[in-house]
Amino acid sequence: MASGFGGLDEFWPFYIAQHMNRANRRLHFAGTTFGLVALAACMLLREPRLIPIGLAGAYGLAWIGHFKFEGNKPATFRYPFLSFRADLRMYRLMWTGSMEAEIIRLKQQILPYR
């Protein structure tokens, strides 16, 4: 891949290293939820103008998390497609309550990226 990562599984530890702050992860969760709700509303109401609103809300909350709480640049600036996929994986893990266990599982792989 042009990103330097062989795929999502190889990118995942880097992505998590960029999301160690709990407030940042929570803002990502809120932003992704907002974006998904906006997408659902767009489809139900057949209102395409909701798409940019959903994107702005989702990315806006995530970027606040990075700049204010994490103190780094969002990975999406360099790796937009892998970051989107990783965000959905993180969202699922947070939804199921498995994110903290995933961070512990990846602890040694995360260290080079911190």
PDB file of N, CA and C in Angstrom:
ATOM      1  N   MET A   1       0.840  -1.192   0.000  1.00  0.00           N
ATOM      2  CA  MET A   1       0.000   0.000   0.000  1.00  0.00           C
ATOM      3  C   MET A   1       0.879   1.247   0.000  1.00  0.00           C
ATOM      4  N   ALA A   2       0.376   2.309  -0.587  1.00  0.00           N
ATOM      5  CA  ALA A   2       1.108   3.557  -0.660  1.00  0.00           C
ATOM      6  C   ALA A   2       1.299   4.189   0.717  1.00  0.00           C
ATOM      7  N   SER A   3       0.516   3.788   1.693  1.00  0.00           N
ATOM      8  CA  SER A   3       0.583   4.383   3.026  1.00  0.00           C
ATOM      9  C   SER A   3       1.800   3.931   3.819  1.00  0.00           C
ATOM     10  N   GLY A   4       2.443   2.866   3.397  1.00  0.00           N
ATOM     11  CA  GLY A   4       3.539   2.305   4.180  1.00  0.00           C
ATOM     12  C   GLY A   4       3.066   1.232   5.149  1.00  0.00           C
ATOM     13  N   PHE A   5       1.767   1.059   5.256  1.00  0.00           N
ATOM     14  CA  PHE A   5       1.176   0.015   6.083  1.00  0.00           C
ATOM     15  C   PHE A   5       0.578  -1.029   5.148  1.00  0.00           C
ATOM     16  N   GLY A   6       0.684  -2.291   5.529  1.00  0.00           N
ATOM     17  CA  GLY A   6       0.203  -3.380   4.695  1.00  0.00           C
ATOM     18  C   GLY A   6      -1.303  -3.588   4.735  1.00  0.00           C
ATOM     19  N   GLY A   7      -1.997  -2.795   5.494  1.00  0.00           N
ATOM     20  CA  GLY A   7      -3.445  -2.933   5.623  1.00  0.00           C
ATOM     21  C   GLY A   7      -3.891  -2.488   7.003  1.00  0.00           C
ATOM     22  N   LEU A   8      -5.145  -2.696   7.286  1.00  0.00           N
ATOM     23  CA  LEU A   8      -5.720  -2.212   8.536  1.00  0.00           C
ATOM     24  C   LEU A   8      -5.073  -2.852   9.762  1.00  0.00           C
ATOM     25  N   ASP A   9      -4.827  -4.142   9.726  1.00  0.00           N
ATOM     26  CA  ASP A   9      -4.240  -4.799  10.896  1.00  0.00           C
ATOM     27  C   ASP A   9      -2.848  -4.266  11.213  1.00  0.00           C
ATOM     28  N   GLU A  10      -2.090  -3.924  10.194  1.00  0.00           N
ATOM     29  CA  GLU A  10      -0.757  -3.359  10.395  1.00  0.00           C
ATOM     30  C   GLU A  10      -0.846  -1.896  10.856  1.00  0.00           C
ATOM     31  N   PHE A  11      -1.841  -1.186  10.387  1.00  0.00           N
ATOM     32  CA  PHE A  11      -2.053   0.227  10.739  1.00  0.00           C
ATOM     33  C   PHE A  11      -2.624   0.390  12.148  1.00  0.00           C
ATOM     34  N   TRP A  12      -3.385  -0.585  12.601  1.00  0.00           N
ATOM     35  CA  TRP A  12      -4.145  -0.515  13.846  1.00  0.00           C
ATOM     36  C   TRP A  12      -3.318  -0.090  15.062  1.00  0.00           C
ATOM     37  N   PRO A  13      -2.150  -0.687  15.354  1.00  0.00           N
ATOM     38  CA  PRO A  13      -1.377  -0.243  16.523  1.00  0.00           C
ATOM     39  C   PRO A  13      -0.969   1.234  16.430  1.00  0.00           C
ATOM     40  N   PHE A  14      -0.596   1.682  15.236  1.00  0.00           N
ATOM     41  CA  PHE A  14      -0.272   3.103  15.050  1.00  0.00           C
ATOM     42  C   PHE A  14      -1.486   3.965  15.365  1.00  0.00           C
ATOM     43  N   TYR A  15      -2.631   3.568  14.845  1.00  0.00           N
ATOM     44  CA  TYR A  15      -3.859   4.339  15.059  1.00  0.00           C
ATOM     45  C   TYR A  15      -4.190   4.421  16.548  1.00  0.00           C
ATOM     46  N   ILE A  16      -4.104   3.317  17.236  1.00  0.00           N
ATOM     47  CA  ILE A  16      -4.406   3.309  18.667  1.00  0.00           C
ATOM     48  C   ILE A  16      -3.398   4.158  19.437  1.00  0.00           C
ATOM     49  N   ALA A  17      -2.142   4.145  19.042  1.00  0.00           N
ATOM     50  CA  ALA A  17      -1.138   4.985  19.694  1.00  0.00           C
ATOM     51  C   ALA A  17      -1.502   6.464  19.588  1.00  0.00           C
ATOM     52  N   GLN A  18      -2.224   6.822  18.550  1.00  0.00           N
ATOM     53  CA  GLN A  18      -2.645   8.206  18.346  1.00  0.00           C
ATOM     54  C   GLN A  18      -3.949   8.524  19.080  1.00  0.00           C
ATOM     55  N   HIS A  19      -4.507   7.537  19.762  1.00  0.00           N
ATOM     56  CA  HIS A  19      -5.805   7.675  20.441  1.00  0.00           C
ATOM     57  C   HIS A  19      -5.756   7.131  21.864  1.00  0.00           C
ATOM     58  N   MET A  20      -4.692   7.417  22.584  1.00  0.00           N
ATOM     59  CA  MET A  20      -4.537   6.895  23.939  1.00  0.00           C
ATOM     60  C   MET A  20      -5.333   7.698  24.970  1.00  0.00           C
ATOM     61  N   ASN A  21      -5.640   8.933  24.672  1.00  0.00           N
ATOM     62  CA  ASN A  21      -6.385   9.770  25.610  1.00  0.00           C
ATOM     63  C   ASN A  21      -7.870   9.415  25.564  1.00  0.00           C
ATOM     64  N   ARG A  22      -8.428   9.112  26.719  1.00  0.00           N
ATOM     65  CA  ARG A  22      -9.827   8.674  26.801  1.00  0.00           C
ATOM     66  C   ARG A  22     -10.798   9.755  26.292  1.00  0.00           C
ATOM     67  N   ALA A  23     -10.536  11.033  26.610  1.00  0.00           N
ATOM     68  CA  ALA A  23     -11.418  12.113  26.137  1.00  0.00           C
ATOM     69  C   ALA A  23     -11.410  12.181  24.614  1.00  0.00           C
ATOM     70  N   ASN A  24     -10.256  11.977  24.016  1.00  0.00           N
ATOM     71  CA  ASN A  24     -10.165  11.954  22.560  1.00  0.00           C
ATOM     72  C   ASN A  24     -11.012  10.815  21.986  1.00  0.00           C
ATOM     73  N   ARG A  25     -10.879   9.631  22.571  1.00  0.00           N
ATOM     74  CA  ARG A  25     -11.664   8.494  22.088  1.00  0.00           C
ATOM     75  C   ARG A  25     -13.158   8.746  22.258  1.00  0.00           C
ATOM     76  N   ARG A  26     -13.542   9.355  23.349  1.00  0.00           N
ATOM     77  CA  ARG A  26     -14.964   9.650  23.566  1.00  0.00           C
ATOM     78  C   ARG A  26     -15.486  10.664  22.564  1.00  0.00           C
ATOM     79  N   LEU A  27     -14.674  11.651  22.226  1.00  0.00           N
ATOM     80  CA  LEU A  27     -15.089  12.607  21.197  1.00  0.00           C
ATOM     81  C   LEU A  27     -15.204  11.914  19.842  1.00  0.00           C
ATOM     82  N   HIS A  28     -14.311  10.982  19.556  1.00  0.00           N
ATOM     83  CA  HIS A  28     -14.433  10.193  18.324  1.00  0.00           C
ATOM     84  C   HIS A  28     -15.741   9.404  18.318  1.00  0.00           C
ATOM     85  N   PHE A  29     -16.052   8.790  19.456  1.00  0.00           N
ATOM     86  CA  PHE A  29     -17.283   8.004  19.548  1.00  0.00           C
ATOM     87  C   PHE A  29     -18.500   8.899  19.303  1.00  0.00           C
ATOM     88  N   ALA A  30     -18.519  10.061  19.941  1.00  0.00           N
ATOM     89  CA  ALA A  30     -19.637  11.000  19.750  1.00  0.00           C
ATOM     90  C   ALA A  30     -19.695  11.476  18.300  1.00  0.00           C
ATOM     91  N   GLY A  31     -18.546  11.775  17.719  1.00  0.00           N
ATOM     92  CA  GLY A  31     -18.515  12.240  16.336  1.00  0.00           C
ATOM     93  C   GLY A  31     -18.976  11.177  15.357  1.00  0.00           C
ATOM     94  N   THR A  32     -18.518   9.954  15.552  1.00  0.00           N
ATOM     95  CA  THR A  32     -18.936   8.868  14.665  1.00  0.00           C
ATOM     96  C   THR A  32     -20.436   8.616  14.804  1.00  0.00           C
ATOM     97  N   THR A  33     -20.933   8.662  16.027  1.00  0.00           N
ATOM     98  CA  THR A  33     -22.374   8.502  16.240  1.00  0.00           C
ATOM     99  C   THR A  33     -23.135   9.600  15.516  1.00  0.00           C
ATOM    100  N   PHE A  34     -22.681  10.831  15.660  1.00  0.00           N
ATOM    101  CA  PHE A  34     -23.318  11.960  14.977  1.00  0.00           C
ATOM    102  C   PHE A  34     -23.319  11.742  13.468  1.00  0.00           C
ATOM    103  N   GLY A  35     -22.181  11.327  12.934  1.00  0.00           N
ATOM    104  CA  GLY A  35     -22.085  11.092  11.493  1.00  0.00           C
ATOM    105  C   GLY A  35     -23.007   9.979  11.022  1.00  0.00           C
ATOM    106  N   LEU A  36     -23.095   8.902  11.784  1.00  0.00           N
ATOM    107  CA  LEU A  36     -23.975   7.791  11.408  1.00  0.00           C
ATOM    108  C   LEU A  36     -25.452   8.190  11.498  1.00  0.00           C
ATOM    109  N   VAL A  37     -25.804   8.965  12.524  1.00  0.00           N
ATOM    110  CA  VAL A  37     -27.182   9.442  12.646  1.00  0.00           C
ATOM    111  C   VAL A  37     -27.517  10.369  11.478  1.00  0.00           C
ATOM    112  N   ALA A  38     -26.583  11.236  11.126  1.00  0.00           N
ATOM    113  CA  ALA A  38     -26.814  12.137   9.991  1.00  0.00           C
ATOM    114  C   ALA A  38     -26.968  11.345   8.691  1.00  0.00           C
ATOM    115  N   LEU A  39     -26.167  10.296   8.523  1.00  0.00           N
ATOM    116  CA  LEU A  39     -26.284   9.455   7.325  1.00  0.00           C
ATOM    117  C   LEU A  39     -27.638   8.757   7.289  1.00  0.00           C
ATOM    118  N   ALA A  40     -28.065   8.216   8.421  1.00  0.00           N
ATOM    119  CA  ALA A  40     -29.369   7.552   8.489  1.00  0.00           C
ATOM    120  C   ALA A  40     -30.494   8.545   8.190  1.00  0.00           C
ATOM    121  N   ALA A  41     -30.398   9.735   8.759  1.00  0.00           N
ATOM    122  CA  ALA A  41     -31.416  10.761   8.508  1.00  0.00           C
ATOM    123  C   ALA A  41     -31.414  11.170   7.037  1.00  0.00           C
ATOM    124  N   CYS A  42     -30.240  11.268   6.459  1.00  0.00           N
ATOM    125  CA  CYS A  42     -30.124  11.598   5.037  1.00  0.00           C
ATOM    126  C   CYS A  42     -30.858  10.577   4.185  1.00  0.00           C
ATOM    127  N   MET A  43     -30.683   9.311   4.514  1.00  0.00           N
ATOM    128  CA  MET A  43     -31.321   8.249   3.732  1.00  0.00           C
ATOM    129  C   MET A  43     -32.827   8.204   3.978  1.00  0.00           C
ATOM    130  N   LEU A  44     -33.227   8.336   5.236  1.00  0.00           N
ATOM    131  CA  LEU A  44     -34.652   8.280   5.562  1.00  0.00           C
ATOM    132  C   LEU A  44     -35.427   9.472   5.015  1.00  0.00           C
ATOM    133  N   LEU A  45     -34.818  10.635   5.136  1.00  0.00           N
ATOM    134  CA  LEU A  45     -35.496  11.870   4.711  1.00  0.00           C
ATOM    135  C   LEU A  45     -35.202  12.243   3.260  1.00  0.00           C
ATOM    136  N   ARG A  46     -34.271  11.487   2.654  1.00  0.00           N
ATOM    137  CA  ARG A  46     -33.832  11.786   1.276  1.00  0.00           C
ATOM    138  C   ARG A  46     -33.377  13.234   1.169  1.00  0.00           C
ATOM    139  N   GLU A  47     -32.504  13.572   2.108  1.00  0.00           N
ATOM    140  CA  GLU A  47     -32.004  14.939   2.214  1.00  0.00           C
ATOM    141  C   GLU A  47     -30.474  14.925   2.153  1.00  0.00           C
ATOM    142  N   PRO A  48     -29.904  15.015   0.951  1.00  0.00           N
ATOM    143  CA  PRO A  48     -28.447  14.904   0.790  1.00  0.00           C
ATOM    144  C   PRO A  48     -27.667  16.017   1.489  1.00  0.00           C
ATOM    145  N   ARG A  49     -28.320  17.124   1.815  1.00  0.00           N
ATOM    146  CA  ARG A  49     -27.612  18.210   2.497  1.00  0.00           C
ATOM    147  C   ARG A  49     -27.174  17.807   3.910  1.00  0.00           C
ATOM    148  N   LEU A  50     -27.682  16.706   4.421  1.00  0.00           N
ATOM    149  CA  LEU A  50     -27.273  16.247   5.752  1.00  0.00           C
ATOM    150  C   LEU A  50     -25.895  15.581   5.747  1.00  0.00           C
ATOM    151  N   ILE A  51     -25.432  15.165   4.576  1.00  0.00           N
ATOM    152  CA  ILE A  51     -24.132  14.494   4.499  1.00  0.00           C
ATOM    153  C   ILE A  51     -22.992  15.415   4.939  1.00  0.00           C
ATOM    154  N   PRO A  52     -22.878  16.629   4.379  1.00  0.00           N
ATOM    155  CA  PRO A  52     -21.779  17.485   4.852  1.00  0.00           C
ATOM    156  C   PRO A  52     -21.920  17.881   6.326  1.00  0.00           C
ATOM    157  N   ILE A  53     -23.139  17.983   6.810  1.00  0.00           N
ATOM    158  CA  ILE A  53     -23.343  18.298   8.225  1.00  0.00           C
ATOM    159  C   ILE A  53     -22.822  17.148   9.083  1.00  0.00           C
ATOM    160  N   GLY A  54     -23.138  15.920   8.680  1.00  0.00           N
ATOM    161  CA  GLY A  54     -22.650  14.751   9.406  1.00  0.00           C
ATOM    162  C   GLY A  54     -21.135  14.648   9.390  1.00  0.00           C
ATOM    163  N   LEU A  55     -20.542  14.900   8.221  1.00  0.00           N
ATOM    164  CA  LEU A  55     -19.082  14.849   8.108  1.00  0.00           C
ATOM    165  C   LEU A  55     -18.426  15.933   8.962  1.00  0.00           C
ATOM    166  N   ALA A  56     -18.966  17.136   8.910  1.00  0.00           N
ATOM    167  CA  ALA A  56     -18.405  18.243   9.693  1.00  0.00           C
ATOM    168  C   ALA A  56     -18.493  17.947  11.191  1.00  0.00           C
ATOM    169  N   GLY A  57     -19.625  17.439  11.623  1.00  0.00           N
ATOM    170  CA  GLY A  57     -19.778  17.105  13.043  1.00  0.00           C
ATOM    171  C   GLY A  57     -18.850  15.991  13.470  1.00  0.00           C
ATOM    172  N   ALA A  58     -18.772  14.949  12.654  1.00  0.00           N
ATOM    173  CA  ALA A  58     -17.935  13.795  12.995  1.00  0.00           C
ATOM    174  C   ALA A  58     -16.459  14.181  13.049  1.00  0.00           C
ATOM    175  N   TYR A  59     -15.970  14.807  11.986  1.00  0.00           N
ATOM    176  CA  TYR A  59     -14.560  15.168  11.957  1.00  0.00           C
ATOM    177  C   TYR A  59     -14.254  16.304  12.923  1.00  0.00           C
ATOM    178  N   GLY A  60     -15.178  17.234  13.083  1.00  0.00           N
ATOM    179  CA  GLY A  60     -14.956  18.339  14.014  1.00  0.00           C
ATOM    180  C   GLY A  60     -14.724  17.857  15.433  1.00  0.00           C
ATOM    181  N   LEU A  61     -15.560  16.954  15.899  1.00  0.00           N
ATOM    182  CA  LEU A  61     -15.387  16.415  17.252  1.00  0.00           C
ATOM    183  C   LEU A  61     -14.082  15.636  17.374  1.00  0.00           C
ATOM    184  N   ALA A  62     -13.774  14.840  16.366  1.00  0.00           N
ATOM    185  CA  ALA A  62     -12.534  14.062  16.406  1.00  0.00           C
ATOM    186  C   ALA A  62     -11.314  14.986  16.433  1.00  0.00           C
ATOM    187  N   TRP A  63     -11.327  16.022  15.620  1.00  0.00           N
ATOM    188  CA  TRP A  63     -10.182  16.926  15.561  1.00  0.00           C
ATOM    189  C   TRP A  63     -10.025  17.714  16.857  1.00  0.00           C
ATOM    190  N   ILE A  64     -11.126  18.073  17.490  1.00  0.00           N
ATOM    191  CA  ILE A  64     -11.039  18.712  18.809  1.00  0.00           C
ATOM    192  C   ILE A  64     -10.331  17.768  19.769  1.00  0.00           C
ATOM    193  N   GLY A  65     -10.695  16.492  19.717  1.00  0.00           N
ATOM    194  CA  GLY A  65     -10.052  15.503  20.579  1.00  0.00           C
ATOM    195  C   GLY A  65      -8.557  15.433  20.369  1.00  0.00           C
ATOM    196  N   HIS A  66      -8.132  15.494  19.116  1.00  0.00           N
ATOM    197  CA  HIS A  66      -6.698  15.413  18.832  1.00  0.00           C
ATOM    198  C   HIS A  66      -5.961  16.669  19.262  1.00  0.00           C
ATOM    199  N   PHE A  67      -6.472  17.824  18.884  1.00  0.00           N
ATOM    200  CA  PHE A  67      -5.753  19.065  19.147  1.00  0.00           C
ATOM    201  C   PHE A  67      -5.818  19.480  20.613  1.00  0.00           C
ATOM    202  N   LYS A  68      -6.959  19.272  21.264  1.00  0.00           N
ATOM    203  CA  LYS A  68      -7.115  19.725  22.649  1.00  0.00           C
ATOM    204  C   LYS A  68      -6.658  18.694  23.675  1.00  0.00           C
ATOM    205  N   PHE A  69      -6.958  17.430  23.462  1.00  0.00           N
ATOM    206  CA  PHE A  69      -6.695  16.412  24.481  1.00  0.00           C
ATOM    207  C   PHE A  69      -5.500  15.517  24.160  1.00  0.00           C
ATOM    208  N   GLU A  70      -5.356  15.112  22.916  1.00  0.00           N
ATOM    209  CA  GLU A  70      -4.285  14.169  22.568  1.00  0.00           C
ATOM    210  C   GLU A  70      -2.976  14.893  22.271  1.00  0.00           C
ATOM    211  N   GLY A  71      -3.085  16.099  21.717  1.00  0.00           N
ATOM    212  CA  GLY A  71      -1.888  16.872  21.392  1.00  0.00           C
ATOM    213  C   GLY A  71      -1.156  16.362  20.164  1.00  0.00           C
ATOM    214  N   ASN A  72      -1.895  15.829  19.206  1.00  0.00           N
ATOM    215  CA  ASN A  72      -1.273  15.372  17.960  1.00  0.00           C
ATOM    216  C   ASN A  72      -2.175  15.709  16.773  1.00  0.00           C
ATOM    217  N   LYS A  73      -1.667  15.458  15.586  1.00  0.00           N
ATOM    218  CA  LYS A  73      -2.452  15.678  14.374  1.00  0.00           C
ATOM    219  C   LYS A  73      -3.258  14.422  14.076  1.00  0.00           C
ATOM    220  N   PRO A  74      -4.497  14.585  13.625  1.00  0.00           N
ATOM    221  CA  PRO A  74      -5.299  13.409  13.285  1.00  0.00           C
ATOM    222  C   PRO A  74      -4.620  12.554  12.213  1.00  0.00           C
ATOM    223  N   ALA A  75      -4.660  11.252  12.394  1.00  0.00           N
ATOM    224  CA  ALA A  75      -4.075  10.319  11.432  1.00  0.00           C
ATOM    225  C   ALA A  75      -4.752  10.423  10.069  1.00  0.00           C
ATOM    226  N   THR A  76      -5.982  10.913  10.059  1.00  0.00           N
ATOM    227  CA  THR A  76      -6.718  11.013   8.798  1.00  0.00           C
ATOM    228  C   THR A  76      -6.056  11.982   7.817  1.00  0.00           C
ATOM    229  N   PHE A  77      -5.233  12.907   8.317  1.00  0.00           N
ATOM    230  CA  PHE A  77      -4.529  13.830   7.430  1.00  0.00           C
ATOM    231  C   PHE A  77      -3.550  13.088   6.527  1.00  0.00           C
ATOM    232  N   ARG A  78      -2.909  12.035   7.072  1.00  0.00           N
ATOM    233  CA  ARG A  78      -1.936  11.272   6.291  1.00  0.00           C
ATOM    234  C   ARG A  78      -2.485   9.976   5.733  1.00  0.00           C
ATOM    235  N   TYR A  79      -3.434   9.373   6.438  1.00  0.00           N
ATOM    236  CA  TYR A  79      -3.947   8.052   6.075  1.00  0.00           C
ATOM    237  C   TYR A  79      -5.484   8.077   6.087  1.00  0.00           C
ATOM    238  N   PRO A  80      -6.109   8.772   5.172  1.00  0.00           N
ATOM    239  CA  PRO A  80      -7.566   8.959   5.267  1.00  0.00           C
ATOM    240  C   PRO A  80      -8.378   7.669   5.208  1.00  0.00           C
ATOM    241  N   PHE A  81      -8.050   6.758   4.331  1.00  0.00           N
ATOM    242  CA  PHE A  81      -8.872   5.551   4.187  1.00  0.00           C
ATOM    243  C   PHE A  81      -8.645   4.569   5.338  1.00  0.00           C
ATOM    244  N   LEU A  82      -7.386   4.358   5.693  1.00  0.00           N
ATOM    245  CA  LEU A  82      -7.102   3.480   6.820  1.00  0.00           C
ATOM    246  C   LEU A  82      -7.659   4.067   8.123  1.00  0.00           C
ATOM    247  N   SER A  83      -7.571   5.378   8.270  1.00  0.00           N
ATOM    248  CA  SER A  83      -8.092   6.019   9.481  1.00  0.00           C
ATOM    249  C   SER A  83      -9.601   5.861   9.591  1.00  0.00           C
ATOM    250  N   PHE A  84     -10.287   5.978   8.473  1.00  0.00           N
ATOM    251  CA  PHE A  84     -11.741   5.804   8.496  1.00  0.00           C
ATOM    252  C   PHE A  84     -12.104   4.387   8.936  1.00  0.00           C
ATOM    253  N   ARG A  85     -11.415   3.406   8.363  1.00  0.00           N
ATOM    254  CA  ARG A  85     -11.684   2.007   8.732  1.00  0.00           C
ATOM    255  C   ARG A  85     -11.319   1.743  10.194  1.00  0.00           C
ATOM    256  N   ALA A  86     -10.189   2.306  10.639  1.00  0.00           N
ATOM    257  CA  ALA A  86      -9.767   2.116  12.028  1.00  0.00           C
ATOM    258  C   ALA A  86     -10.741   2.795  12.989  1.00  0.00           C
ATOM    259  N   ASP A  87     -11.267   3.944  12.597  1.00  0.00           N
ATOM    260  CA  ASP A  87     -12.247   4.628  13.452  1.00  0.00           C
ATOM    261  C   ASP A  87     -13.492   3.768  13.629  1.00  0.00           C
ATOM    262  N   LEU A  88     -13.928   3.131  12.565  1.00  0.00           N
ATOM    263  CA  LEU A  88     -15.101   2.256  12.685  1.00  0.00           C
ATOM    264  C   LEU A  88     -14.808   1.058  13.591  1.00  0.00           C
ATOM    265  N   ARG A  89     -13.585   0.536  13.503  1.00  0.00           N
ATOM    266  CA  ARG A  89     -13.208  -0.578  14.391  1.00  0.00           C
ATOM    267  C   ARG A  89     -13.182  -0.097  15.839  1.00  0.00           C
ATOM    268  N   MET A  90     -12.577   1.076  16.081  1.00  0.00           N
ATOM    269  CA  MET A  90     -12.527   1.620  17.441  1.00  0.00           C
ATOM    270  C   MET A  90     -13.944   1.892  17.956  1.00  0.00           C
ATOM    271  N   TYR A  91     -14.804   2.395  17.097  1.00  0.00           N
ATOM    272  CA  TYR A  91     -16.199   2.665  17.469  1.00  0.00           C
ATOM    273  C   TYR A  91     -16.884   1.371  17.934  1.00  0.00           C
ATOM    274  N   ARG A  92     -16.691   0.303  17.168  1.00  0.00           N
ATOM    275  CA  ARG A  92     -17.289  -0.984  17.522  1.00  0.00           C
ATOM    276  C   ARG A  92     -16.761  -1.485  18.854  1.00  0.00           C
ATOM    277  N   LEU A  93     -15.453  -1.378  19.056  1.00  0.00           N
ATOM    278  CA  LEU A  93     -14.856  -1.834  20.313  1.00  0.00           C
ATOM    279  C   LEU A  93     -15.338  -0.989  21.499  1.00  0.00           C
ATOM    280  N   MET A  94     -15.508   0.303  21.282  1.00  0.00           N
ATOM    281  CA  MET A  94     -16.024   1.147  22.354  1.00  0.00           C
ATOM    282  C   MET A  94     -17.486   0.809  22.631  1.00  0.00           C
ATOM    283  N   TRP A  95     -18.240   0.573  21.574  1.00  0.00           N
ATOM    284  CA  TRP A  95     -19.660   0.232  21.720  1.00  0.00           C
ATOM    285  C   TRP A  95     -19.841  -1.046  22.537  1.00  0.00           C
ATOM    286  N   THR A  96     -18.949  -2.002  22.339  1.00  0.00           N
ATOM    287  CA  THR A  96     -19.055  -3.287  23.039  1.00  0.00           C
ATOM    288  C   THR A  96     -18.298  -3.306  24.371  1.00  0.00           C
ATOM    289  N   GLY A  97     -17.636  -2.187  24.721  1.00  0.00           N
ATOM    290  CA  GLY A  97     -16.905  -2.122  25.977  1.00  0.00           C
ATOM    291  C   GLY A  97     -15.570  -2.834  25.956  1.00  0.00           C
ATOM    292  N   SER A  98     -15.015  -3.063  24.771  1.00  0.00           N
ATOM    293  CA  SER A  98     -13.773  -3.827  24.633  1.00  0.00           C
ATOM    294  C   SER A  98     -12.539  -2.973  24.338  1.00  0.00           C
ATOM    295  N   MET A  99     -12.698  -1.659  24.272  1.00  0.00           N
ATOM    296  CA  MET A  99     -11.582  -0.815  23.846  1.00  0.00           C
ATOM    297  C   MET A  99     -10.419  -0.833  24.826  1.00  0.00           C
ATOM    298  N   GLU A 100     -10.689  -0.735  26.113  1.00  0.00           N
ATOM    299  CA  GLU A 100      -9.600  -0.731  27.104  1.00  0.00           C
ATOM    300  C   GLU A 100      -8.808  -2.033  27.041  1.00  0.00           C
ATOM    301  N   ALA A 101      -9.483  -3.146  26.884  1.00  0.00           N
ATOM    302  CA  ALA A 101      -8.798  -4.435  26.766  1.00  0.00           C
ATOM    303  C   ALA A 101      -7.951  -4.474  25.495  1.00  0.00           C
ATOM    304  N   GLU A 102      -8.420  -3.853  24.432  1.00  0.00           N
ATOM    305  CA  GLU A 102      -7.663  -3.806  23.179  1.00  0.00           C
ATOM    306  C   GLU A 102      -6.391  -2.984  23.352  1.00  0.00           C
ATOM    307  N   ILE A 103      -6.477  -1.879  24.076  1.00  0.00           N
ATOM    308  CA  ILE A 103      -5.285  -1.059  24.335  1.00  0.00           C
ATOM    309  C   ILE A 103      -4.260  -1.870  25.124  1.00  0.00           C
ATOM    310  N   ILE A 104      -4.716  -2.580  26.124  1.00  0.00           N
ATOM    311  CA  ILE A 104      -3.810  -3.423  26.919  1.00  0.00           C
ATOM    312  C   ILE A 104      -3.188  -4.503  26.035  1.00  0.00           C
ATOM    313  N   ARG A 105      -3.994  -5.106  25.184  1.00  0.00           N
ATOM    314  CA  ARG A 105      -3.497  -6.158  24.280  1.00  0.00           C
ATOM    315  C   ARG A 105      -2.401  -5.629  23.351  1.00  0.00           C
ATOM    316  N   LEU A 106      -2.549  -4.388  22.905  1.00  0.00           N
ATOM    317  CA  LEU A 106      -1.619  -3.806  21.931  1.00  0.00           C
ATOM    318  C   LEU A 106      -0.458  -3.043  22.564  1.00  0.00           C
ATOM    319  N   LYS A 107      -0.373  -3.005  23.872  1.00  0.00           N
ATOM    320  CA  LYS A 107       0.582  -2.140  24.581  1.00  0.00           C
ATOM    321  C   LYS A 107       1.995  -2.189  23.987  1.00  0.00           C
ATOM    322  N   GLN A 108       2.541  -3.348  23.767  1.00  0.00           N
ATOM    323  CA  GLN A 108       3.921  -3.454  23.244  1.00  0.00           C
ATOM    324  C   GLN A 108       4.022  -2.974  21.793  1.00  0.00           C
ATOM    325  N   GLN A 109       2.995  -3.191  21.001  1.00  0.00           N
ATOM    326  CA  GLN A 109       3.019  -2.755  19.609  1.00  0.00           C
ATOM    327  C   GLN A 109       2.867  -1.249  19.496  1.00  0.00           C
ATOM    328  N   ILE A 110       2.231  -0.624  20.464  1.00  0.00           N
ATOM    329  CA  ILE A 110       1.973   0.818  20.449  1.00  0.00           C
ATOM    330  C   ILE A 110       3.227   1.619  20.772  1.00  0.00           C
ATOM    331  N   LEU A 111       4.094   1.085  21.621  1.00  0.00           N
ATOM    332  CA  LEU A 111       5.253   1.840  22.127  1.00  0.00           C
ATOM    333  C   LEU A 111       6.086   2.527  21.042  1.00  0.00           C
ATOM    334  N   PRO A 112       6.407   1.888  19.925  1.00  0.00           N
ATOM    335  CA  PRO A 112       7.235   2.590  18.926  1.00  0.00           C
ATOM    336  C   PRO A 112       6.568   3.846  18.332  1.00  0.00           C
ATOM    337  N   TYR A 113       5.262   3.934  18.415  1.00  0.00           N
ATOM    338  CA  TYR A 113       4.545   5.058  17.799  1.00  0.00           C
ATOM    339  C   TYR A 113       4.292   6.199  18.770  1.00  0.00           C
ATOM    340  N   ARG A 114       4.599   6.018  20.052  1.00  0.00           N
ATOM    341  CA  ARG A 114       4.330   7.057  21.052  1.00  0.00           C
ATOM    342  C   ARG A 114       5.457   8.033  21.141  1.00  0.00           C
TER     343      ARG A 114
END
